[in-house]
Amino acid sequence: MSNFRIRPARPEDQAGAYYVCLKTGNYGQDGEPFYREDPDALGRIFVGPYLAFEPELSLILEDDAGICGYALGAFDSRAFYARYEAEWRPRLCAQFPEPDGDPRQWTRVQQVHHWYHHPDYFCPEPYAAYPSHLHIDLLPRAQGRGFGRRMLEEVMDKLRQRGSPGAHLGVSLLNTPALGFYQRLGFKELIRVGTGAEGCVYMGKPL
């Protein structure tokens, strides 16, 4: 049996956390086959800024084999995105050119590089009720053991202590197991945006 541990994130966790993002990057399933030419593509959006800007709201799950999960939060989503826009995104755009050609022919990596240049800062309404947001991923060996619930509840406790009235998160329409998981945690659907592979359900929970 692995010895699982939940602990605060550290700067040196970036590589391991990016790997978790990759291995869950296909709508909750293994994304590695789709991102071989740039395995860190997703992590640069969905992990790196949180470790850099919100370290006190970033938790790591590890076992004897290494990092196997994370739970990340942002206290004020609009302030977080403003900082991302000013301090994080310019480097991504400078390093990774915007893809051209027919978007229908783009690889997954090209799609993500497009996101670098055209970010989505959507926040569901009512924003005043759910200004914080959350993000969590666990490798299969860590799933179904209660760690996801424990980590999210710990991050939400930290948000509550800092005075946040509520938090939201986004879930792909294709990730049905995650939708059920968040519903069991008390999250309610706020709005659906898009359809199919591009569709996202935004869910919120008062704190």
N, C-alpha and C. Protein backbone atom coordinates (compact mmCIF):
# COMPACT_ATOMS: atom_id res chain seq x y z
N MET A 1 0.84 -1.20 0.00
CA MET A 1 0.00 0.00 0.00
C MET A 1 0.87 1.25 0.00
N SER A 2 0.49 2.21 -0.80
CA SER A 2 1.18 3.48 -0.80
C SER A 2 0.78 4.29 0.43
N ASN A 3 1.70 5.09 0.90
CA ASN A 3 1.43 5.99 2.02
C ASN A 3 1.09 7.36 1.46
N PHE A 4 -0.21 7.67 1.39
CA PHE A 4 -0.65 8.93 0.82
C PHE A 4 -0.53 10.06 1.85
N ARG A 5 -0.10 11.23 1.38
CA ARG A 5 0.06 12.39 2.23
C ARG A 5 -0.46 13.62 1.50
N ILE A 6 -1.22 14.44 2.22
CA ILE A 6 -1.67 15.74 1.72
C ILE A 6 -0.81 16.80 2.40
N ARG A 7 -0.26 17.70 1.61
CA ARG A 7 0.62 18.73 2.17
C ARG A 7 0.52 20.00 1.33
N PRO A 8 0.98 21.13 1.88
CA PRO A 8 1.03 22.36 1.09
C PRO A 8 1.96 22.21 -0.11
N ALA A 9 1.62 22.87 -1.18
CA ALA A 9 2.46 22.84 -2.38
C ALA A 9 3.75 23.62 -2.17
N ARG A 10 4.78 23.20 -2.88
CA ARG A 10 6.07 23.88 -2.87
C ARG A 10 6.47 24.20 -4.31
N PRO A 11 7.34 25.19 -4.53
CA PRO A 11 7.73 25.54 -5.91
C PRO A 11 8.27 24.35 -6.69
N GLU A 12 9.00 23.46 -6.02
CA GLU A 12 9.60 22.33 -6.72
C GLU A 12 8.59 21.26 -7.11
N ASP A 13 7.32 21.45 -6.76
CA ASP A 13 6.27 20.50 -7.14
C ASP A 13 5.78 20.69 -8.57
N GLN A 14 6.25 21.73 -9.24
CA GLN A 14 5.66 22.06 -10.53
C GLN A 14 5.72 20.90 -11.52
N ALA A 15 6.87 20.27 -11.67
CA ALA A 15 7.00 19.20 -12.68
C ALA A 15 6.05 18.05 -12.38
N GLY A 16 5.97 17.63 -11.12
CA GLY A 16 5.09 16.54 -10.75
C GLY A 16 3.62 16.88 -10.92
N ALA A 17 3.27 18.11 -10.60
CA ALA A 17 1.88 18.55 -10.75
C ALA A 17 1.51 18.69 -12.22
N TYR A 18 2.44 19.17 -13.04
CA TYR A 18 2.19 19.24 -14.48
C TYR A 18 1.94 17.83 -15.04
N TYR A 19 2.65 16.85 -14.53
CA TYR A 19 2.46 15.48 -15.01
C TYR A 19 1.06 14.98 -14.66
N VAL A 20 0.57 15.29 -13.47
CA VAL A 20 -0.80 14.92 -13.09
C VAL A 20 -1.79 15.58 -14.05
N CYS A 21 -1.54 16.85 -14.37
CA CYS A 21 -2.42 17.56 -15.30
C CYS A 21 -2.44 16.88 -16.66
N LEU A 22 -1.27 16.45 -17.12
CA LEU A 22 -1.17 15.74 -18.39
C LEU A 22 -1.94 14.42 -18.35
N LYS A 23 -1.75 13.66 -17.29
CA LYS A 23 -2.34 12.32 -17.20
C LYS A 23 -3.84 12.34 -16.93
N THR A 24 -4.40 13.51 -16.65
CA THR A 24 -5.84 13.66 -16.49
C THR A 24 -6.40 14.63 -17.53
N GLY A 25 -5.59 14.95 -18.56
CA GLY A 25 -5.91 16.03 -19.48
C GLY A 25 -6.81 15.68 -20.64
N ASN A 26 -7.34 14.47 -20.67
CA ASN A 26 -8.28 14.08 -21.71
C ASN A 26 -9.66 13.92 -21.07
N TYR A 27 -10.22 15.05 -20.64
CA TYR A 27 -11.54 15.06 -19.99
C TYR A 27 -11.56 14.11 -18.79
N GLY A 28 -10.49 14.16 -18.00
CA GLY A 28 -10.38 13.32 -16.82
C GLY A 28 -9.61 12.04 -17.05
N GLN A 29 -9.40 11.69 -18.32
CA GLN A 29 -8.64 10.49 -18.66
C GLN A 29 -7.22 10.88 -19.08
N ASP A 30 -6.42 9.88 -19.41
CA ASP A 30 -5.01 10.08 -19.75
C ASP A 30 -4.86 10.93 -21.01
N GLY A 31 -4.23 12.09 -20.86
CA GLY A 31 -4.03 12.96 -22.00
C GLY A 31 -2.68 12.82 -22.68
N GLU A 32 -1.82 11.96 -22.15
CA GLU A 32 -0.45 11.89 -22.67
C GLU A 32 -0.39 11.59 -24.17
N PRO A 33 -1.21 10.68 -24.72
CA PRO A 33 -1.12 10.41 -26.15
C PRO A 33 -1.39 11.62 -27.03
N PHE A 34 -2.11 12.63 -26.49
CA PHE A 34 -2.50 13.79 -27.29
C PHE A 34 -1.51 14.95 -27.18
N TYR A 35 -0.60 14.88 -26.23
CA TYR A 35 0.26 16.03 -25.95
C TYR A 35 1.74 15.66 -25.96
N ARG A 36 2.10 14.66 -26.74
CA ARG A 36 3.49 14.18 -26.72
C ARG A 36 4.48 15.26 -27.16
N GLU A 37 4.08 16.13 -28.11
CA GLU A 37 5.02 17.14 -28.57
C GLU A 37 5.18 18.29 -27.60
N ASP A 38 4.29 18.40 -26.62
CA ASP A 38 4.41 19.43 -25.58
C ASP A 38 3.65 18.97 -24.34
N PRO A 39 4.25 18.08 -23.54
CA PRO A 39 3.54 17.49 -22.39
C PRO A 39 3.11 18.51 -21.33
N ASP A 40 3.77 19.67 -21.28
CA ASP A 40 3.44 20.67 -20.26
C ASP A 40 2.41 21.69 -20.73
N ALA A 41 1.85 21.49 -21.92
CA ALA A 41 0.96 22.50 -22.50
C ALA A 41 -0.19 22.85 -21.56
N LEU A 42 -0.88 21.86 -21.03
CA LEU A 42 -2.03 22.10 -20.16
C LEU A 42 -1.59 22.65 -18.80
N GLY A 43 -0.51 22.10 -18.27
CA GLY A 43 -0.06 22.51 -16.94
C GLY A 43 0.28 23.98 -16.85
N ARG A 44 0.73 24.56 -17.96
CA ARG A 44 1.10 25.98 -17.93
C ARG A 44 -0.12 26.88 -17.70
N ILE A 45 -1.30 26.39 -18.02
CA ILE A 45 -2.53 27.16 -17.76
C ILE A 45 -3.16 26.75 -16.43
N PHE A 46 -3.32 25.46 -16.24
CA PHE A 46 -4.19 24.96 -15.17
C PHE A 46 -3.48 24.64 -13.86
N VAL A 47 -2.15 24.72 -13.83
CA VAL A 47 -1.41 24.43 -12.61
C VAL A 47 -0.43 25.54 -12.26
N GLY A 48 0.44 25.87 -13.19
CA GLY A 48 1.53 26.80 -12.90
C GLY A 48 1.12 28.12 -12.28
N PRO A 49 0.11 28.80 -12.80
CA PRO A 49 -0.26 30.10 -12.21
C PRO A 49 -0.73 29.99 -10.76
N TYR A 50 -1.35 28.88 -10.40
CA TYR A 50 -1.84 28.71 -9.03
C TYR A 50 -0.67 28.50 -8.06
N LEU A 51 0.28 27.68 -8.47
CA LEU A 51 1.46 27.47 -7.63
C LEU A 51 2.21 28.78 -7.44
N ALA A 52 2.22 29.62 -8.47
CA ALA A 52 2.96 30.87 -8.40
C ALA A 52 2.20 31.96 -7.65
N PHE A 53 0.90 32.09 -7.91
CA PHE A 53 0.14 33.22 -7.40
C PHE A 53 -0.68 32.91 -6.15
N GLU A 54 -1.05 31.64 -5.93
CA GLU A 54 -1.90 31.27 -4.79
C GLU A 54 -1.30 30.07 -4.05
N PRO A 55 -0.03 30.13 -3.65
CA PRO A 55 0.59 28.95 -3.02
C PRO A 55 -0.10 28.52 -1.72
N GLU A 56 -0.69 29.49 -1.00
CA GLU A 56 -1.35 29.15 0.26
C GLU A 56 -2.66 28.41 0.03
N LEU A 57 -3.17 28.41 -1.20
CA LEU A 57 -4.40 27.69 -1.54
C LEU A 57 -4.12 26.50 -2.44
N SER A 58 -2.86 26.05 -2.47
CA SER A 58 -2.45 24.93 -3.33
C SER A 58 -2.01 23.76 -2.48
N LEU A 59 -2.68 22.61 -2.67
CA LEU A 59 -2.35 21.40 -1.94
C LEU A 59 -1.85 20.33 -2.89
N ILE A 60 -0.94 19.52 -2.39
CA ILE A 60 -0.38 18.42 -3.16
C ILE A 60 -0.71 17.10 -2.46
N LEU A 61 -1.07 16.09 -3.25
CA LEU A 61 -1.23 14.73 -2.75
C LEU A 61 -0.07 13.91 -3.31
N GLU A 62 0.64 13.23 -2.43
CA GLU A 62 1.75 12.39 -2.88
C GLU A 62 1.73 11.06 -2.15
N ASP A 63 2.37 10.08 -2.75
CA ASP A 63 2.55 8.79 -2.12
C ASP A 63 4.00 8.35 -2.34
N ASP A 64 4.29 7.10 -2.09
CA ASP A 64 5.67 6.63 -2.20
C ASP A 64 6.20 6.74 -3.63
N ALA A 65 5.30 6.78 -4.61
CA ALA A 65 5.72 6.87 -6.00
C ALA A 65 5.83 8.31 -6.50
N GLY A 66 5.40 9.26 -5.69
CA GLY A 66 5.51 10.66 -6.08
C GLY A 66 4.19 11.40 -6.04
N ILE A 67 4.16 12.55 -6.67
CA ILE A 67 2.96 13.39 -6.69
C ILE A 67 1.87 12.70 -7.51
N CYS A 68 0.69 12.61 -6.93
CA CYS A 68 -0.42 11.92 -7.61
C CYS A 68 -1.71 12.73 -7.59
N GLY A 69 -1.65 13.99 -7.18
CA GLY A 69 -2.84 14.81 -7.21
C GLY A 69 -2.56 16.20 -6.69
N TYR A 70 -3.52 17.09 -6.95
CA TYR A 70 -3.43 18.45 -6.41
C TYR A 70 -4.84 19.01 -6.29
N ALA A 71 -4.98 19.99 -5.42
CA ALA A 71 -6.18 20.81 -5.31
C ALA A 71 -5.71 22.26 -5.25
N LEU A 72 -6.27 23.09 -6.13
CA LEU A 72 -5.81 24.46 -6.29
C LEU A 72 -6.99 25.41 -6.15
N GLY A 73 -6.72 26.59 -5.62
CA GLY A 73 -7.77 27.57 -5.47
C GLY A 73 -7.29 28.97 -5.76
N ALA A 74 -8.23 29.84 -6.08
CA ALA A 74 -7.97 31.27 -6.23
C ALA A 74 -9.02 32.02 -5.42
N PHE A 75 -8.59 32.92 -4.58
CA PHE A 75 -9.51 33.62 -3.67
C PHE A 75 -10.44 34.57 -4.43
N ASP A 76 -9.88 35.41 -5.29
CA ASP A 76 -10.65 36.37 -6.07
C ASP A 76 -10.35 36.08 -7.54
N SER A 77 -11.28 35.45 -8.23
CA SER A 77 -11.01 34.98 -9.58
C SER A 77 -10.63 36.11 -10.52
N ARG A 78 -11.31 37.23 -10.44
CA ARG A 78 -11.01 38.33 -11.36
C ARG A 78 -9.62 38.90 -11.10
N ALA A 79 -9.24 39.01 -9.84
CA ALA A 79 -7.89 39.48 -9.51
C ALA A 79 -6.85 38.47 -9.97
N PHE A 80 -7.15 37.19 -9.82
CA PHE A 80 -6.24 36.14 -10.27
C PHE A 80 -6.04 36.21 -11.78
N TYR A 81 -7.12 36.35 -12.53
CA TYR A 81 -7.01 36.41 -13.98
C TYR A 81 -6.30 37.68 -14.44
N ALA A 82 -6.50 38.77 -13.71
CA ALA A 82 -5.78 40.00 -14.06
C ALA A 82 -4.28 39.81 -13.88
N ARG A 83 -3.89 39.12 -12.83
CA ARG A 83 -2.47 38.87 -12.62
C ARG A 83 -1.93 37.89 -13.66
N TYR A 84 -2.72 36.88 -13.98
CA TYR A 84 -2.34 35.95 -15.05
C TYR A 84 -2.12 36.69 -16.35
N GLU A 85 -3.02 37.61 -16.67
CA GLU A 85 -2.92 38.37 -17.91
C GLU A 85 -1.66 39.22 -17.94
N ALA A 86 -1.32 39.84 -16.81
CA ALA A 86 -0.20 40.77 -16.76
C ALA A 86 1.15 40.07 -16.59
N GLU A 87 1.18 38.99 -15.81
CA GLU A 87 2.46 38.42 -15.40
C GLU A 87 2.77 37.05 -16.00
N TRP A 88 1.76 36.31 -16.41
CA TRP A 88 1.97 34.93 -16.84
C TRP A 88 1.81 34.74 -18.35
N ARG A 89 0.71 35.27 -18.88
CA ARG A 89 0.38 35.01 -20.27
C ARG A 89 1.38 35.60 -21.27
N PRO A 90 1.96 36.79 -21.01
CA PRO A 90 2.91 37.32 -22.01
C PRO A 90 4.07 36.38 -22.31
N ARG A 91 4.56 35.67 -21.30
CA ARG A 91 5.66 34.73 -21.55
C ARG A 91 5.20 33.54 -22.38
N LEU A 92 3.98 33.07 -22.14
CA LEU A 92 3.46 31.97 -22.94
C LEU A 92 3.34 32.37 -24.40
N CYS A 93 2.81 33.57 -24.64
CA CYS A 93 2.61 34.02 -26.02
C CYS A 93 3.94 34.25 -26.73
N ALA A 94 4.94 34.71 -25.98
CA ALA A 94 6.25 34.93 -26.58
C ALA A 94 6.94 33.62 -26.92
N GLN A 95 6.71 32.60 -26.10
CA GLN A 95 7.39 31.32 -26.29
C GLN A 95 6.68 30.41 -27.28
N PHE A 96 5.35 30.53 -27.36
CA PHE A 96 4.57 29.61 -28.18
C PHE A 96 3.71 30.41 -29.16
N PRO A 97 4.09 30.46 -30.43
CA PRO A 97 3.34 31.24 -31.41
C PRO A 97 1.91 30.74 -31.55
N GLU A 98 1.05 31.66 -31.92
CA GLU A 98 -0.34 31.29 -32.17
C GLU A 98 -0.41 30.41 -33.42
N PRO A 99 -1.10 29.29 -33.36
CA PRO A 99 -1.18 28.42 -34.54
C PRO A 99 -2.00 29.06 -35.65
N ASP A 100 -1.68 28.69 -36.88
CA ASP A 100 -2.45 29.19 -38.01
C ASP A 100 -3.08 28.02 -38.76
N GLY A 101 -3.69 28.30 -39.86
CA GLY A 101 -4.36 27.25 -40.61
C GLY A 101 -5.77 26.99 -40.12
N ASP A 102 -6.33 25.91 -40.57
CA ASP A 102 -7.71 25.53 -40.26
C ASP A 102 -7.79 24.97 -38.84
N PRO A 103 -8.52 25.65 -37.93
CA PRO A 103 -8.62 25.14 -36.55
C PRO A 103 -9.16 23.72 -36.46
N ARG A 104 -9.94 23.31 -37.44
CA ARG A 104 -10.49 21.96 -37.41
C ARG A 104 -9.41 20.90 -37.60
N GLN A 105 -8.24 21.34 -38.08
CA GLN A 105 -7.13 20.41 -38.31
C GLN A 105 -6.07 20.49 -37.21
N TRP A 106 -6.29 21.35 -36.23
CA TRP A 106 -5.29 21.52 -35.17
C TRP A 106 -5.18 20.28 -34.30
N THR A 107 -3.99 20.02 -33.81
CA THR A 107 -3.78 19.01 -32.78
C THR A 107 -4.25 19.57 -31.43
N ARG A 108 -4.32 18.72 -30.43
CA ARG A 108 -4.68 19.20 -29.10
C ARG A 108 -3.67 20.25 -28.61
N VAL A 109 -2.40 20.02 -28.89
CA VAL A 109 -1.38 20.98 -28.46
C VAL A 109 -1.61 22.33 -29.13
N GLN A 110 -1.91 22.33 -30.41
CA GLN A 110 -2.18 23.59 -31.09
C GLN A 110 -3.40 24.29 -30.51
N GLN A 111 -4.41 23.53 -30.14
CA GLN A 111 -5.58 24.12 -29.50
C GLN A 111 -5.22 24.82 -28.20
N VAL A 112 -4.36 24.18 -27.40
CA VAL A 112 -3.95 24.79 -26.13
C VAL A 112 -3.10 26.02 -26.38
N HIS A 113 -2.20 25.95 -27.34
CA HIS A 113 -1.40 27.13 -27.67
C HIS A 113 -2.29 28.27 -28.15
N HIS A 114 -3.38 27.95 -28.81
CA HIS A 114 -4.36 28.98 -29.17
C HIS A 114 -4.96 29.60 -27.92
N TRP A 115 -5.23 28.78 -26.90
CA TRP A 115 -5.76 29.31 -25.63
C TRP A 115 -4.79 30.29 -24.98
N TYR A 116 -3.49 30.05 -25.15
CA TYR A 116 -2.51 30.99 -24.61
C TYR A 116 -2.77 32.40 -25.13
N HIS A 117 -3.11 32.49 -26.41
CA HIS A 117 -3.32 33.78 -27.06
C HIS A 117 -4.75 34.29 -26.93
N HIS A 118 -5.68 33.41 -26.64
CA HIS A 118 -7.09 33.79 -26.51
C HIS A 118 -7.66 33.14 -25.24
N PRO A 119 -7.28 33.65 -24.08
CA PRO A 119 -7.68 33.00 -22.82
C PRO A 119 -9.17 33.16 -22.53
N ASP A 120 -9.66 32.25 -21.73
CA ASP A 120 -11.07 32.27 -21.29
C ASP A 120 -11.10 32.64 -19.82
N TYR A 121 -11.58 33.84 -19.53
CA TYR A 121 -11.64 34.31 -18.14
C TYR A 121 -13.08 34.30 -17.62
N PHE A 122 -13.89 33.42 -18.15
CA PHE A 122 -15.31 33.41 -17.79
C PHE A 122 -15.49 33.12 -16.30
N CYS A 123 -16.33 33.91 -15.67
CA CYS A 123 -16.73 33.68 -14.27
C CYS A 123 -18.25 33.67 -14.21
N PRO A 124 -18.84 32.62 -13.66
CA PRO A 124 -20.31 32.54 -13.63
C PRO A 124 -20.90 33.54 -12.66
N GLU A 125 -22.09 33.96 -12.96
CA GLU A 125 -22.85 34.84 -12.07
C GLU A 125 -23.73 34.02 -11.14
N PRO A 126 -24.10 34.54 -9.97
CA PRO A 126 -23.71 35.85 -9.47
C PRO A 126 -22.27 35.83 -8.92
N TYR A 127 -21.41 36.66 -9.51
CA TYR A 127 -19.99 36.64 -9.14
C TYR A 127 -19.80 36.94 -7.65
N ALA A 128 -20.57 37.88 -7.13
CA ALA A 128 -20.40 38.26 -5.72
C ALA A 128 -20.64 37.09 -4.78
N ALA A 129 -21.44 36.12 -5.22
CA ALA A 129 -21.72 34.96 -4.37
C ALA A 129 -20.67 33.87 -4.50
N TYR A 130 -19.98 33.81 -5.66
CA TYR A 130 -19.01 32.74 -5.92
C TYR A 130 -17.72 33.30 -6.53
N PRO A 131 -17.03 34.21 -5.83
CA PRO A 131 -15.87 34.86 -6.43
C PRO A 131 -14.63 33.98 -6.50
N SER A 132 -14.53 33.00 -5.64
CA SER A 132 -13.37 32.11 -5.64
C SER A 132 -13.59 30.97 -6.64
N HIS A 133 -12.48 30.32 -7.03
CA HIS A 133 -12.66 29.12 -7.86
C HIS A 133 -11.64 28.06 -7.49
N LEU A 134 -11.94 26.82 -7.90
CA LEU A 134 -11.20 25.64 -7.49
C LEU A 134 -10.84 24.79 -8.70
N HIS A 135 -9.79 24.00 -8.53
CA HIS A 135 -9.37 23.08 -9.58
C HIS A 135 -8.69 21.89 -8.92
N ILE A 136 -9.06 20.67 -9.32
CA ILE A 136 -8.49 19.48 -8.70
C ILE A 136 -8.31 18.38 -9.74
N ASP A 137 -7.23 17.62 -9.62
CA ASP A 137 -7.00 16.44 -10.45
C ASP A 137 -6.27 15.40 -9.61
N LEU A 138 -6.65 14.14 -9.79
CA LEU A 138 -6.01 13.02 -9.11
C LEU A 138 -5.69 11.93 -10.12
N LEU A 139 -4.52 11.33 -10.00
CA LEU A 139 -4.20 10.17 -10.82
C LEU A 139 -5.08 8.98 -10.41
N PRO A 140 -5.29 8.02 -11.29
CA PRO A 140 -6.19 6.90 -10.97
C PRO A 140 -5.84 6.18 -9.68
N ARG A 141 -4.55 6.04 -9.36
CA ARG A 141 -4.20 5.30 -8.15
C ARG A 141 -4.63 6.01 -6.87
N ALA A 142 -4.96 7.30 -6.97
CA ALA A 142 -5.38 8.06 -5.81
C ALA A 142 -6.89 8.29 -5.77
N GLN A 143 -7.60 7.87 -6.81
CA GLN A 143 -9.03 8.13 -6.89
C GLN A 143 -9.82 7.10 -6.08
N GLY A 144 -11.02 7.52 -5.67
CA GLY A 144 -11.92 6.62 -4.95
C GLY A 144 -11.52 6.33 -3.53
N ARG A 145 -10.64 7.14 -2.97
CA ARG A 145 -10.15 6.94 -1.60
C ARG A 145 -10.54 8.08 -0.65
N GLY A 146 -11.28 9.06 -1.16
CA GLY A 146 -11.70 10.18 -0.33
C GLY A 146 -10.74 11.34 -0.31
N PHE A 147 -9.63 11.23 -1.02
CA PHE A 147 -8.65 12.32 -0.98
C PHE A 147 -9.15 13.57 -1.69
N GLY A 148 -9.88 13.40 -2.78
CA GLY A 148 -10.40 14.56 -3.49
C GLY A 148 -11.30 15.39 -2.60
N ARG A 149 -12.21 14.73 -1.91
CA ARG A 149 -13.10 15.43 -0.99
C ARG A 149 -12.31 16.13 0.11
N ARG A 150 -11.35 15.43 0.71
CA ARG A 150 -10.57 16.01 1.80
C ARG A 150 -9.80 17.24 1.34
N MET A 151 -9.19 17.15 0.16
CA MET A 151 -8.39 18.27 -0.33
C MET A 151 -9.26 19.47 -0.67
N LEU A 152 -10.37 19.23 -1.35
CA LEU A 152 -11.25 20.35 -1.69
C LEU A 152 -11.82 21.00 -0.43
N GLU A 153 -12.20 20.19 0.54
CA GLU A 153 -12.75 20.76 1.76
C GLU A 153 -11.69 21.57 2.50
N GLU A 154 -10.43 21.14 2.45
CA GLU A 154 -9.38 21.91 3.09
C GLU A 154 -9.17 23.25 2.40
N VAL A 155 -9.16 23.24 1.06
CA VAL A 155 -9.01 24.50 0.34
C VAL A 155 -10.21 25.41 0.61
N MET A 156 -11.42 24.84 0.61
CA MET A 156 -12.61 25.65 0.88
C MET A 156 -12.59 26.21 2.30
N ASP A 157 -12.07 25.45 3.25
CA ASP A 157 -11.92 25.98 4.61
C ASP A 157 -11.00 27.19 4.62
N LYS A 158 -9.91 27.12 3.87
CA LYS A 158 -8.99 28.25 3.80
C LYS A 158 -9.68 29.46 3.16
N LEU A 159 -10.45 29.24 2.12
CA LEU A 159 -11.19 30.33 1.49
C LEU A 159 -12.20 30.94 2.45
N ARG A 160 -12.89 30.08 3.18
CA ARG A 160 -13.89 30.54 4.15
C ARG A 160 -13.24 31.40 5.23
N GLN A 161 -12.09 30.95 5.72
CA GLN A 161 -11.39 31.69 6.77
C GLN A 161 -10.94 33.07 6.29
N ARG A 162 -10.68 33.19 4.99
CA ARG A 162 -10.26 34.47 4.44
C ARG A 162 -11.45 35.35 4.05
N GLY A 163 -12.66 34.83 4.21
CA GLY A 163 -13.85 35.63 4.00
C GLY A 163 -14.56 35.46 2.68
N SER A 164 -14.20 34.42 1.92
CA SER A 164 -14.89 34.19 0.66
C SER A 164 -16.30 33.67 0.91
N PRO A 165 -17.32 34.23 0.22
CA PRO A 165 -18.68 33.75 0.41
C PRO A 165 -19.01 32.48 -0.36
N GLY A 166 -18.20 32.15 -1.38
CA GLY A 166 -18.52 30.98 -2.19
C GLY A 166 -17.47 30.74 -3.25
N ALA A 167 -17.50 29.54 -3.83
CA ALA A 167 -16.53 29.15 -4.84
C ALA A 167 -17.23 28.48 -6.00
N HIS A 168 -16.62 28.59 -7.18
CA HIS A 168 -17.14 27.92 -8.37
C HIS A 168 -16.03 27.10 -9.00
N LEU A 169 -16.42 26.25 -9.93
CA LEU A 169 -15.47 25.46 -10.71
C LEU A 169 -16.13 25.08 -12.02
N GLY A 170 -15.31 24.72 -12.98
CA GLY A 170 -15.81 24.33 -14.29
C GLY A 170 -15.52 22.87 -14.55
N VAL A 171 -16.47 22.18 -15.16
CA VAL A 171 -16.33 20.76 -15.45
C VAL A 171 -16.72 20.51 -16.91
N SER A 172 -15.89 19.77 -17.63
CA SER A 172 -16.23 19.42 -19.00
C SER A 172 -17.51 18.61 -19.04
N LEU A 173 -18.33 18.87 -20.05
CA LEU A 173 -19.54 18.09 -20.23
C LEU A 173 -19.23 16.60 -20.44
N LEU A 174 -18.03 16.31 -20.91
CA LEU A 174 -17.65 14.92 -21.17
C LEU A 174 -17.14 14.21 -19.93
N ASN A 175 -16.92 14.94 -18.85
CA ASN A 175 -16.38 14.33 -17.62
C ASN A 175 -17.51 14.07 -16.64
N THR A 176 -18.36 13.12 -16.98
CA THR A 176 -19.55 12.86 -16.15
C THR A 176 -19.21 12.37 -14.75
N PRO A 177 -18.15 11.57 -14.53
CA PRO A 177 -17.85 11.19 -13.15
C PRO A 177 -17.57 12.39 -12.25
N ALA A 178 -16.88 13.40 -12.80
CA ALA A 178 -16.57 14.59 -12.01
C ALA A 178 -17.84 15.36 -11.66
N LEU A 179 -18.80 15.41 -12.58
CA LEU A 179 -20.05 16.11 -12.29
C LEU A 179 -20.74 15.51 -11.08
N GLY A 180 -20.80 14.18 -11.03
CA GLY A 180 -21.42 13.52 -9.89
C GLY A 180 -20.65 13.75 -8.60
N PHE A 181 -19.33 13.75 -8.69
CA PHE A 181 -18.47 13.98 -7.52
C PHE A 181 -18.75 15.36 -6.92
N TYR A 182 -18.81 16.38 -7.75
CA TYR A 182 -19.02 17.73 -7.23
C TYR A 182 -20.44 17.90 -6.69
N GLN A 183 -21.40 17.25 -7.32
CA GLN A 183 -22.77 17.31 -6.80
C GLN A 183 -22.84 16.73 -5.40
N ARG A 184 -22.11 15.63 -5.18
CA ARG A 184 -22.11 15.02 -3.85
C ARG A 184 -21.42 15.89 -2.82
N LEU A 185 -20.55 16.78 -3.29
CA LEU A 185 -19.88 17.73 -2.39
C LEU A 185 -20.73 18.96 -2.11
N GLY A 186 -21.89 19.06 -2.72
CA GLY A 186 -22.78 20.18 -2.48
C GLY A 186 -22.73 21.29 -3.52
N PHE A 187 -22.04 21.06 -4.64
CA PHE A 187 -22.01 22.05 -5.70
C PHE A 187 -23.28 21.95 -6.54
N LYS A 188 -23.80 23.11 -6.93
CA LYS A 188 -24.99 23.18 -7.77
C LYS A 188 -24.65 23.82 -9.11
N GLU A 189 -25.32 23.36 -10.16
CA GLU A 189 -25.07 23.92 -11.47
C GLU A 189 -25.51 25.38 -11.53
N LEU A 190 -24.62 26.24 -12.09
CA LEU A 190 -24.91 27.65 -12.27
C LEU A 190 -25.24 27.96 -13.73
N ILE A 191 -24.45 27.43 -14.65
CA ILE A 191 -24.67 27.71 -16.07
C ILE A 191 -23.88 26.71 -16.91
N ARG A 192 -24.38 26.45 -18.11
CA ARG A 192 -23.66 25.62 -19.08
C ARG A 192 -23.24 26.50 -20.25
N VAL A 193 -22.01 26.31 -20.69
CA VAL A 193 -21.45 27.10 -21.78
C VAL A 193 -20.92 26.15 -22.83
N GLY A 194 -21.34 26.33 -24.09
CA GLY A 194 -20.85 25.49 -25.16
C GLY A 194 -21.52 24.12 -25.18
N THR A 195 -21.08 23.30 -26.14
CA THR A 195 -21.63 21.95 -26.29
C THR A 195 -20.52 20.97 -26.61
N GLY A 196 -20.82 19.69 -26.41
CA GLY A 196 -19.89 18.63 -26.79
C GLY A 196 -18.56 18.77 -26.10
N ALA A 197 -17.48 18.53 -26.87
CA ALA A 197 -16.13 18.58 -26.31
C ALA A 197 -15.76 19.97 -25.81
N GLU A 198 -16.42 20.99 -26.36
CA GLU A 198 -16.13 22.36 -25.94
C GLU A 198 -17.04 22.82 -24.80
N GLY A 199 -17.98 21.99 -24.41
CA GLY A 199 -18.94 22.39 -23.41
C GLY A 199 -18.41 22.31 -21.99
N CYS A 200 -18.89 23.21 -21.14
CA CYS A 200 -18.44 23.27 -19.75
C CYS A 200 -19.63 23.57 -18.85
N VAL A 201 -19.69 22.87 -17.73
CA VAL A 201 -20.69 23.15 -16.70
C VAL A 201 -19.99 23.90 -15.57
N TYR A 202 -20.49 25.08 -15.23
CA TYR A 202 -19.97 25.82 -14.09
C TYR A 202 -20.87 25.54 -12.89
N MET A 203 -20.23 25.15 -11.79
CA MET A 203 -20.95 24.79 -10.57
C MET A 203 -20.47 25.67 -9.42
N GLY A 204 -21.35 25.96 -8.49
CA GLY A 204 -21.00 26.81 -7.37
C GLY A 204 -21.44 26.23 -6.04
N LYS A 205 -20.75 26.65 -4.99
CA LYS A 205 -21.09 26.22 -3.64
C LYS A 205 -20.88 27.38 -2.67
N PRO A 206 -21.90 27.73 -1.88
CA PRO A 206 -21.69 28.76 -0.84
C PRO A 206 -20.75 28.22 0.24
N LEU A 207 -19.93 29.12 0.76
CA LEU A 207 -19.02 28.74 1.83
C LEU A 207 -19.45 29.27 3.19
